[in-house]
Each structure stands twice: as C-alpha cells, then as structure tokens.
Amino acid sequence: MQGHSDERQMNLPPIVSFKNICKSFGDIRVLRDVGFDVLPGQLLGLAGENGAGKTTLLKCMLDFCSFEQGSVEICGIPSTQPKSREKIAFLPERFTPPWYLTGREFIKATMQMSGVAWQETAVFSTFEELDLARSSMNKPVRALSKGMTQKLGLAACFLAGKEVFVLDEPMSGLDPSARVRVKDMLRRLKDQGKSLIFTSHSLADIDEICDHMVILHNGSVAFQGSPGQLLKDQSEKSL
C-alpha cells in the first residue's frame, strides 16, 4: 500500500515548490540555491543545525521576508500572492499568542479567520488529544505555561481545517507525554491526505513522523530523500 501511495504522490504536482532560493542578511548568505518540492499528502521533515536556514526558508515561503533569487510556489501560486497561503496553517518557532486573550478567545479568533465554524465538541476533543486542560479555555494566555501555550497553538492549527501544515519546531516546550500525542496527531494528517512541513533539530522525531526529509547545512541542501535512504547512504542503523 505504501508503494502505491508514493506512486500517486509522484504523479501529482507539488503542493509547495522551492526553486533556487538565495537569501542574504547583509554580507551573510543564509540560503544558497535551495530547491525541493513538497508533494500532496507528504510529511516532510526539514532538519539542520542552528543557523542552517530552516526558519528563514519558511519565512521566505510565507512572504515574511524577501529573497534575492529563486521562487516559491504554493499550490501553483507564487508565494508573494496572499491567495497562495489560504490552505496553510502555520505555527512559528517562538509562538506567542496575544497576551490579553483567553484560550477560548484565541481559538475562536483563529477559527473565524480560517472560515471554520465554532464547534465546542471538536475543540474539546482536540484539547483532550493534546492533553490540554479545558480550564485553559478560560484563562488568559499570559497565565499559561510554555508547554500549555505550545499546545494551544497546535490546537489552533489542527482546528483551522487547512490542507498544509507548516510547523516550526512544534515539539518545543512539550513534555515526553505531549510529544507522543503530537506525533500521533501528525501521523493522522497523512491518513487524511494532509501535507506537512515540520522542522526539528531531532532526526529521531523526523524518522518517526516523516516519509521524506531535507537536511540544510550552511544554507544549502545537503540531503533530500527518505529517512531510510539517509540511513543507507550513511551505513547507519539509526538516525
């Protein structure tokens, strides 16, 4: 079944396409001719050391910053056009919701912006899957711990009803139990035909979740392929 799924993916146009992206900050070249595709239904892990360019690449994709060379297309639409991002749910690495909102107000606002009707049963079900206490709905987000705030951001993404999830270090601040829960939810995205771009410093996390991976090193693509292919290339038994 996996082989048939991979074959179907290869026959579909990419849902996100990076082509020869170059980005500099002053005299420092951060991205060097970065290019790869994300296919529909693919769970792609973006790995690399601190400063490798992972977050900068996502910012280029989401039109948070410009780049000197190359192009990004989302669903065949240039990333500079707001319409290209209609199908994307994004969680930044340093997620900080408006401090003056309660958990309920934040979730309601994000669902409304995504055009999704408020359904309390679905919201509470997502909270339970993330082991996020219902009481956090009525607390101001400034009163939530780092882990609870991260879960709130993940809940907002999962409830947004989007096709593509862009999650920058989503495991940040989560305890081991919560990490397991989030990984289970991310795996279910594939069963639902969703696509994922997931950044992580942990190759083990990418190995558990993703069917494809890209490693950035010094701003360039050092590897792209399946986790199994990386193991084979490096003659290793574990990432």
C-alpha atoms as a PDB file:
ATOM      1  CA  MET A   1       0.000   0.000   0.000  1.00  0.00           C
ATOM      2  CA  GLN A   2       2.844   2.388   0.826  1.00  0.00           C
ATOM      3  CA  GLY A   3       4.327   1.887  -2.647  1.00  0.00           C
ATOM      4  CA  HIS A   4       1.022   2.737  -4.327  1.00  0.00           C
ATOM      5  CA  SER A   5       0.699   5.843  -2.126  1.00  0.00           C
ATOM      6  CA  ASP A   6       4.195   7.032  -3.047  1.00  0.00           C
ATOM      7  CA  GLU A   7       3.475   6.443  -6.744  1.00  0.00           C
ATOM      8  CA  ARG A   8       0.299   8.531  -6.550  1.00  0.00           C
ATOM      9  CA  GLN A   9       2.238  11.331  -4.853  1.00  0.00           C
ATOM     10  CA  MET A  10       4.853  11.354  -7.622  1.00  0.00           C
ATOM     11  CA  ASN A  11       2.138  11.741 -10.272  1.00  0.00           C
ATOM     12  CA  LEU A  12       0.669  14.843  -8.634  1.00  0.00           C
ATOM     13  CA  PRO A  13       2.018  18.413  -8.974  1.00  0.00           C
ATOM     14  CA  PRO A  14       3.884  19.625  -5.859  1.00  0.00           C
ATOM     15  CA  ILE A  15       1.843  21.433  -3.267  1.00  0.00           C
ATOM     16  CA  VAL A  16       4.912  23.555  -2.398  1.00  0.00           C
ATOM     17  CA  SER A  17       7.881  24.113  -4.693  1.00  0.00           C
ATOM     18  CA  PHE A  18      11.122  25.861  -3.692  1.00  0.00           C
ATOM     19  CA  LYS A  19      13.340  26.783  -6.655  1.00  0.00           C
ATOM     20  CA  ASN A  20      16.917  28.053  -6.215  1.00  0.00           C
ATOM     21  CA  ILE A  21      16.196  30.226  -3.180  1.00  0.00           C
ATOM     22  CA  CYS A  22      19.020  32.572  -2.217  1.00  0.00           C
ATOM     23  CA  LYS A  23      18.734  34.825   0.812  1.00  0.00           C
ATOM     24  CA  SER A  24      21.277  37.099   2.493  1.00  0.00           C
ATOM     25  CA  PHE A  25      21.272  39.323   5.539  1.00  0.00           C
ATOM     26  CA  GLY A  26      23.826  41.963   4.729  1.00  0.00           C
ATOM     27  CA  ASP A  27      27.036  40.178   3.775  1.00  0.00           C
ATOM     28  CA  ILE A  28      25.897  36.888   5.300  1.00  0.00           C
ATOM     29  CA  ARG A  29      24.461  34.380   2.814  1.00  0.00           C
ATOM     30  CA  VAL A  30      21.830  32.359   4.723  1.00  0.00           C
ATOM     31  CA  LEU A  31      20.309  30.314   1.873  1.00  0.00           C
ATOM     32  CA  ARG A  32      22.212  29.119  -1.198  1.00  0.00           C
ATOM     33  CA  ASP A  33      20.216  27.821  -4.189  1.00  0.00           C
ATOM     34  CA  VAL A  34      17.779  25.847  -2.032  1.00  0.00           C
ATOM     35  CA  GLY A  35      15.335  23.831  -4.084  1.00  0.00           C
ATOM     36  CA  PHE A  36      12.968  20.945  -3.399  1.00  0.00           C
ATOM     37  CA  ASP A  37       9.290  20.027  -3.677  1.00  0.00           C
ATOM     38  CA  VAL A  38       6.668  19.019  -1.124  1.00  0.00           C
ATOM     39  CA  LEU A  39       4.144  16.618  -2.635  1.00  0.00           C
ATOM     40  CA  PRO A  40       0.450  16.361  -1.691  1.00  0.00           C
ATOM     41  CA  GLY A  41      -0.011  14.072   1.292  1.00  0.00           C
ATOM     42  CA  GLN A  42       3.702  14.126   2.094  1.00  0.00           C
ATOM     43  CA  LEU A  43       5.062  14.579   5.605  1.00  0.00           C
ATOM     44  CA  LEU A  44       8.372  16.361   5.088  1.00  0.00           C
ATOM     45  CA  GLY A  45      10.918  16.930   7.827  1.00  0.00           C
ATOM     46  CA  LEU A  46      13.276  19.894   7.491  1.00  0.00           C
ATOM     47  CA  ALA A  47      16.406  19.312   9.572  1.00  0.00           C
ATOM     48  CA  GLY A  48      19.639  21.142  10.256  1.00  0.00           C
ATOM     49  CA  GLU A  49      21.770  22.719  12.949  1.00  0.00           C
ATOM     50  CA  ASN A  50      21.013  26.115  14.460  1.00  0.00           C
ATOM     51  CA  GLY A  51      21.618  28.730  11.777  1.00  0.00           C
ATOM     52  CA  ALA A  52      21.245  26.258   8.896  1.00  0.00           C
ATOM     53  CA  GLY A  53      18.436  28.379   7.420  1.00  0.00           C
ATOM     54  CA  LYS A  54      15.323  26.336   8.274  1.00  0.00           C
ATOM     55  CA  THR A  55      13.240  29.154   9.772  1.00  0.00           C
ATOM     56  CA  THR A  56      14.464  31.662   7.180  1.00  0.00           C
ATOM     57  CA  LEU A  57      13.323  29.321   4.404  1.00  0.00           C
ATOM     58  CA  LEU A  58       9.843  29.100   5.963  1.00  0.00           C
ATOM     59  CA  LYS A  59       9.728  32.894   6.262  1.00  0.00           C
ATOM     60  CA  CYS A  60      10.557  33.176   2.557  1.00  0.00           C
ATOM     61  CA  MET A  61       7.781  30.719   1.780  1.00  0.00           C
ATOM     62  CA  LEU A  62       5.224  32.626   3.861  1.00  0.00           C
ATOM     63  CA  ASP A  63       6.293  36.021   2.443  1.00  0.00           C
ATOM     64  CA  PHE A  64       7.530  37.215   5.838  1.00  0.00           C
ATOM     65  CA  CYS A  65      10.802  38.203   4.188  1.00  0.00           C
ATOM     66  CA  SER A  66      12.013  38.744   0.647  1.00  0.00           C
ATOM     67  CA  PHE A  67      14.759  36.794  -1.087  1.00  0.00           C
ATOM     68  CA  GLU A  68      17.231  37.820  -3.766  1.00  0.00           C
ATOM     69  CA  GLN A  69      16.883  34.893  -6.137  1.00  0.00           C
ATOM     70  CA  GLY A  70      14.578  31.977  -6.899  1.00  0.00           C
ATOM     71  CA  SER A  71      10.877  31.403  -6.400  1.00  0.00           C
ATOM     72  CA  VAL A  72       8.378  29.642  -4.162  1.00  0.00           C
ATOM     73  CA  GLU A  73       5.027  28.371  -5.386  1.00  0.00           C
ATOM     74  CA  ILE A  74       2.226  27.084  -3.170  1.00  0.00           C
ATOM     75  CA  CYS A  75      -0.495  25.130  -4.979  1.00  0.00           C
ATOM     76  CA  GLY A  76       0.916  26.577  -8.203  1.00  0.00           C
ATOM     77  CA  ILE A  77       0.567  30.188  -6.992  1.00  0.00           C
ATOM     78  CA  PRO A  78       3.583  32.458  -6.352  1.00  0.00           C
ATOM     79  CA  SER A  79       4.155  32.769  -2.604  1.00  0.00           C
ATOM     80  CA  THR A  80       4.098  36.561  -2.847  1.00  0.00           C
ATOM     81  CA  GLN A  81       0.370  36.405  -3.573  1.00  0.00           C
ATOM     82  CA  PRO A  82      -1.776  36.200  -0.399  1.00  0.00           C
ATOM     83  CA  LYS A  83      -4.099  33.679  -2.076  1.00  0.00           C
ATOM     84  CA  SER A  84      -1.262  31.130  -2.097  1.00  0.00           C
ATOM     85  CA  ARG A  85      -1.427  30.850   1.696  1.00  0.00           C
ATOM     86  CA  GLU A  86      -5.160  30.186   2.001  1.00  0.00           C
ATOM     87  CA  LYS A  87      -4.616  26.446   2.576  1.00  0.00           C
ATOM     88  CA  ILE A  88      -1.790  26.805   5.122  1.00  0.00           C
ATOM     89  CA  ALA A  89      -1.849  26.544   8.913  1.00  0.00           C
ATOM     90  CA  PHE A  90       1.384  27.874  10.446  1.00  0.00           C
ATOM     91  CA  LEU A  91       2.898  27.575  13.904  1.00  0.00           C
ATOM     92  CA  PRO A  92       6.066  29.680  14.390  1.00  0.00           C
ATOM     93  CA  GLU A  93       9.051  28.506  16.409  1.00  0.00           C
ATOM     94  CA  ARG A  94       8.521  31.168  19.076  1.00  0.00           C
ATOM     95  CA  PHE A  95       4.759  31.054  19.360  1.00  0.00           C
ATOM     96  CA  THR A  96       3.351  33.913  21.451  1.00  0.00           C
ATOM     97  CA  PRO A  97      -0.422  34.477  21.231  1.00  0.00           C
ATOM     98  CA  PRO A  98      -1.880  37.862  22.201  1.00  0.00           C
ATOM     99  CA  TRP A  99      -1.396  38.017  25.971  1.00  0.00           C
ATOM    100  CA  TYR A 100      -4.744  39.717  26.637  1.00  0.00           C
ATOM    101  CA  LEU A 101      -6.899  36.936  25.117  1.00  0.00           C
ATOM    102  CA  THR A 102      -8.238  33.883  26.901  1.00  0.00           C
ATOM    103  CA  GLY A 103      -7.625  30.470  25.375  1.00  0.00           C
ATOM    104  CA  ARG A 104     -11.210  30.383  24.144  1.00  0.00           C
ATOM    105  CA  GLU A 105     -10.958  33.838  22.555  1.00  0.00           C
ATOM    106  CA  PHE A 106      -7.736  32.909  20.781  1.00  0.00           C
ATOM    107  CA  ILE A 107      -9.107  29.641  19.375  1.00  0.00           C
ATOM    108  CA  LYS A 108     -12.359  31.320  18.311  1.00  0.00           C
ATOM    109  CA  ALA A 109     -10.460  34.117  16.554  1.00  0.00           C
ATOM    110  CA  THR A 110      -8.177  31.742  14.633  1.00  0.00           C
ATOM    111  CA  MET A 111     -11.083  29.520  13.592  1.00  0.00           C
ATOM    112  CA  GLN A 112     -13.063  32.560  12.454  1.00  0.00           C
ATOM    113  CA  MET A 113     -10.129  33.824  10.377  1.00  0.00           C
ATOM    114  CA  SER A 114      -9.921  30.377   8.780  1.00  0.00           C
ATOM    115  CA  GLY A 115     -13.637  30.362   7.995  1.00  0.00           C
ATOM    116  CA  VAL A 116     -14.316  27.412  10.302  1.00  0.00           C
ATOM    117  CA  ALA A 117     -17.460  27.389  12.430  1.00  0.00           C
ATOM    118  CA  TRP A 118     -17.020  27.077  16.185  1.00  0.00           C
ATOM    119  CA  GLN A 119     -17.853  23.547  17.336  1.00  0.00           C
ATOM    120  CA  GLU A 120     -17.258  23.101  21.032  1.00  0.00           C
ATOM    121  CA  THR A 121     -17.217  19.303  20.786  1.00  0.00           C
ATOM    122  CA  ALA A 122     -14.435  19.381  18.179  1.00  0.00           C
ATOM    123  CA  VAL A 123     -12.479  21.947  20.209  1.00  0.00           C
ATOM    124  CA  PHE A 124     -12.658  19.926  23.419  1.00  0.00           C
ATOM    125  CA  SER A 125     -11.778  16.739  21.523  1.00  0.00           C
ATOM    126  CA  THR A 126      -8.631  18.397  20.155  1.00  0.00           C
ATOM    127  CA  PHE A 127      -7.750  19.691  23.620  1.00  0.00           C
ATOM    128  CA  GLU A 128      -8.102  16.171  25.020  1.00  0.00           C
ATOM    129  CA  GLU A 129      -5.916  14.712  22.267  1.00  0.00           C
ATOM    130  CA  LEU A 130      -3.216  17.219  23.205  1.00  0.00           C
ATOM    131  CA  ASP A 131      -3.780  16.704  26.944  1.00  0.00           C
ATOM    132  CA  LEU A 132      -4.591  20.403  27.251  1.00  0.00           C
ATOM    133  CA  ALA A 133      -6.839  21.102  30.249  1.00  0.00           C
ATOM    134  CA  ARG A 134     -10.274  22.514  29.465  1.00  0.00           C
ATOM    135  CA  SER A 135      -9.686  25.106  32.162  1.00  0.00           C
ATOM    136  CA  SER A 136      -7.110  26.755  29.880  1.00  0.00           C
ATOM    137  CA  MET A 137     -10.034  27.906  27.712  1.00  0.00           C
ATOM    138  CA  ASN A 138     -10.998  30.466  30.333  1.00  0.00           C
ATOM    139  CA  LYS A 139      -7.516  31.559  31.375  1.00  0.00           C
ATOM    140  CA  PRO A 140      -5.651  34.499  29.807  1.00  0.00           C
ATOM    141  CA  VAL A 141      -2.840  33.105  27.699  1.00  0.00           C
ATOM    142  CA  ARG A 142      -0.309  35.052  29.773  1.00  0.00           C
ATOM    143  CA  ALA A 143      -1.184  32.693  32.649  1.00  0.00           C
ATOM    144  CA  LEU A 144      -0.361  29.538  30.666  1.00  0.00           C
ATOM    145  CA  SER A 145       2.939  27.685  30.887  1.00  0.00           C
ATOM    146  CA  LYS A 146       5.244  27.358  27.871  1.00  0.00           C
ATOM    147  CA  GLY A 147       4.004  23.818  27.222  1.00  0.00           C
ATOM    148  CA  MET A 148       0.337  24.795  27.512  1.00  0.00           C
ATOM    149  CA  THR A 149       0.863  27.764  25.197  1.00  0.00           C
ATOM    150  CA  GLN A 150       2.513  25.480  22.640  1.00  0.00           C
ATOM    151  CA  LYS A 151      -0.425  23.066  22.834  1.00  0.00           C
ATOM    152  CA  LEU A 152      -2.820  25.983  22.354  1.00  0.00           C
ATOM    153  CA  GLY A 153      -1.010  26.957  19.156  1.00  0.00           C
ATOM    154  CA  LEU A 154      -1.083  23.366  17.909  1.00  0.00           C
ATOM    155  CA  ALA A 155      -4.799  23.116  18.708  1.00  0.00           C
ATOM    156  CA  ALA A 156      -5.448  26.270  16.677  1.00  0.00           C
ATOM    157  CA  CYS A 157      -3.575  24.777  13.708  1.00  0.00           C
ATOM    158  CA  PHE A 158      -5.385  21.438  13.851  1.00  0.00           C
ATOM    159  CA  LEU A 159      -8.783  23.137  14.155  1.00  0.00           C
ATOM    160  CA  ALA A 160      -8.189  25.504  11.232  1.00  0.00           C
ATOM    161  CA  GLY A 161      -9.280  22.965   8.631  1.00  0.00           C
ATOM    162  CA  LYS A 162      -6.303  23.557   6.324  1.00  0.00           C
ATOM    163  CA  GLU A 163      -4.582  21.274   3.811  1.00  0.00           C
ATOM    164  CA  VAL A 164      -0.943  22.153   4.535  1.00  0.00           C
ATOM    165  CA  PHE A 165       0.619  22.390   7.999  1.00  0.00           C
ATOM    166  CA  VAL A 166       3.854  24.332   8.436  1.00  0.00           C
ATOM    167  CA  LEU A 167       5.151  23.694  11.950  1.00  0.00           C
ATOM    168  CA  ASP A 168       8.453  25.225  13.042  1.00  0.00           C
ATOM    169  CA  GLU A 169       9.888  23.209  15.969  1.00  0.00           C
ATOM    170  CA  PRO A 170       6.391  22.209  17.200  1.00  0.00           C
ATOM    171  CA  MET A 171       7.795  19.983  19.971  1.00  0.00           C
ATOM    172  CA  SER A 172       9.389  22.972  21.718  1.00  0.00           C
ATOM    173  CA  GLY A 173       8.427  23.106  25.391  1.00  0.00           C
ATOM    174  CA  LEU A 174       6.443  19.849  25.344  1.00  0.00           C
ATOM    175  CA  ASP A 175       6.943  17.100  27.903  1.00  0.00           C
ATOM    176  CA  PRO A 176       7.537  13.480  26.713  1.00  0.00           C
ATOM    177  CA  SER A 177       3.858  12.518  27.015  1.00  0.00           C
ATOM    178  CA  ALA A 178       2.722  15.525  24.966  1.00  0.00           C
ATOM    179  CA  ARG A 179       5.364  14.809  22.324  1.00  0.00           C
ATOM    180  CA  VAL A 180       3.931  11.317  21.832  1.00  0.00           C
ATOM    181  CA  ARG A 181       0.424  12.744  21.480  1.00  0.00           C
ATOM    182  CA  VAL A 182       1.501  15.343  18.929  1.00  0.00           C
ATOM    183  CA  LYS A 183       3.379  12.740  16.898  1.00  0.00           C
ATOM    184  CA  ASP A 184       0.237  10.584  16.783  1.00  0.00           C
ATOM    185  CA  MET A 185      -1.791  13.575  15.566  1.00  0.00           C
ATOM    186  CA  LEU A 186       0.779  14.414  12.894  1.00  0.00           C
ATOM    187  CA  ARG A 187       0.750  10.830  11.607  1.00  0.00           C
ATOM    188  CA  ARG A 188      -3.012  11.016  11.260  1.00  0.00           C
ATOM    189  CA  LEU A 189      -2.611  14.017   8.960  1.00  0.00           C
ATOM    190  CA  LYS A 190      -1.225  11.675   6.312  1.00  0.00           C
ATOM    191  CA  ASP A 191      -4.251   9.381   6.644  1.00  0.00           C
ATOM    192  CA  GLN A 192      -6.407  12.455   5.998  1.00  0.00           C
ATOM    193  CA  GLY A 193      -4.401  13.390   2.893  1.00  0.00           C
ATOM    194  CA  LYS A 194      -2.857  16.477   4.506  1.00  0.00           C
ATOM    195  CA  SER A 195       0.680  17.743   3.851  1.00  0.00           C
ATOM    196  CA  LEU A 196       3.246  18.725   6.477  1.00  0.00           C
ATOM    197  CA  ILE A 197       6.464  20.709   6.609  1.00  0.00           C
ATOM    198  CA  PHE A 198       7.953  20.029  10.024  1.00  0.00           C
ATOM    199  CA  THR A 199      11.249  21.491  11.249  1.00  0.00           C
ATOM    200  CA  SER A 200      13.209  19.855  14.019  1.00  0.00           C
ATOM    201  CA  HIS A 201      16.690  19.546  15.457  1.00  0.00           C
ATOM    202  CA  SER A 202      15.813  15.932  16.264  1.00  0.00           C
ATOM    203  CA  LEU A 203      16.443  13.457  13.460  1.00  0.00           C
ATOM    204  CA  ALA A 204      14.730  10.810  15.608  1.00  0.00           C
ATOM    205  CA  ASP A 205      11.482  12.829  15.593  1.00  0.00           C
ATOM    206  CA  ILE A 206      11.671  13.214  11.818  1.00  0.00           C
ATOM    207  CA  ASP A 207      12.354   9.487  11.433  1.00  0.00           C
ATOM    208  CA  GLU A 208       9.229   8.670  13.473  1.00  0.00           C
ATOM    209  CA  ILE A 209       6.895  11.116  11.702  1.00  0.00           C
ATOM    210  CA  CYS A 210       8.081  11.902   8.185  1.00  0.00           C
ATOM    211  CA  ASP A 211       8.272   9.938   4.948  1.00  0.00           C
ATOM    212  CA  HIS A 212      10.615  12.466   3.326  1.00  0.00           C
ATOM    213  CA  MET A 213      13.300  14.756   4.684  1.00  0.00           C
ATOM    214  CA  VAL A 214      15.547  17.625   3.647  1.00  0.00           C
ATOM    215  CA  ILE A 215      18.724  18.487   5.545  1.00  0.00           C
ATOM    216  CA  LEU A 216      20.056  22.036   5.305  1.00  0.00           C
ATOM    217  CA  HIS A 217      23.719  22.637   6.106  1.00  0.00           C
ATOM    218  CA  ASN A 218      25.306  26.083   5.865  1.00  0.00           C
ATOM    219  CA  GLY A 219      22.297  27.260   3.888  1.00  0.00           C
ATOM    220  CA  SER A 220      22.404  24.536   1.227  1.00  0.00           C
ATOM    221  CA  VAL A 221      20.561  21.266   0.722  1.00  0.00           C
ATOM    222  CA  ALA A 222      22.907  18.556   1.971  1.00  0.00           C
ATOM    223  CA  PHE A 223      20.396  15.704   1.568  1.00  0.00           C
ATOM    224  CA  GLN A 224      16.877  15.079   0.379  1.00  0.00           C
ATOM    225  CA  GLY A 225      15.111  11.737   0.343  1.00  0.00           C
ATOM    226  CA  SER A 226      13.527   9.295   2.754  1.00  0.00           C
ATOM    227  CA  PRO A 227      14.911   8.702   6.267  1.00  0.00           C
ATOM    228  CA  GLY A 228      15.622   5.136   5.142  1.00  0.00           C
ATOM    229  CA  GLN A 229      17.705   6.399   2.238  1.00  0.00           C
ATOM    230  CA  LEU A 230      19.769   8.586   4.591  1.00  0.00           C
ATOM    231  CA  LEU A 231      20.483   5.568   6.795  1.00  0.00           C
ATOM    232  CA  LYS A 232      21.514   3.566   3.746  1.00  0.00           C
ATOM    233  CA  ASP A 233      23.757   6.354   2.437  1.00  0.00           C
ATOM    234  CA  GLN A 234      25.474   6.750   5.803  1.00  0.00           C
ATOM    235  CA  SER A 235      25.574   2.997   6.602  1.00  0.00           C
ATOM    236  CA  GLU A 236      23.867   3.661   9.925  1.00  0.00           C
ATOM    237  CA  LYS A 237      21.158   1.765  11.811  1.00  0.00           C
ATOM    238  CA  SER A 238      19.528   4.742  13.488  1.00  0.00           C
ATOM    239  CA  LEU A 239      19.125   8.448  12.785  1.00  0.00           C
END
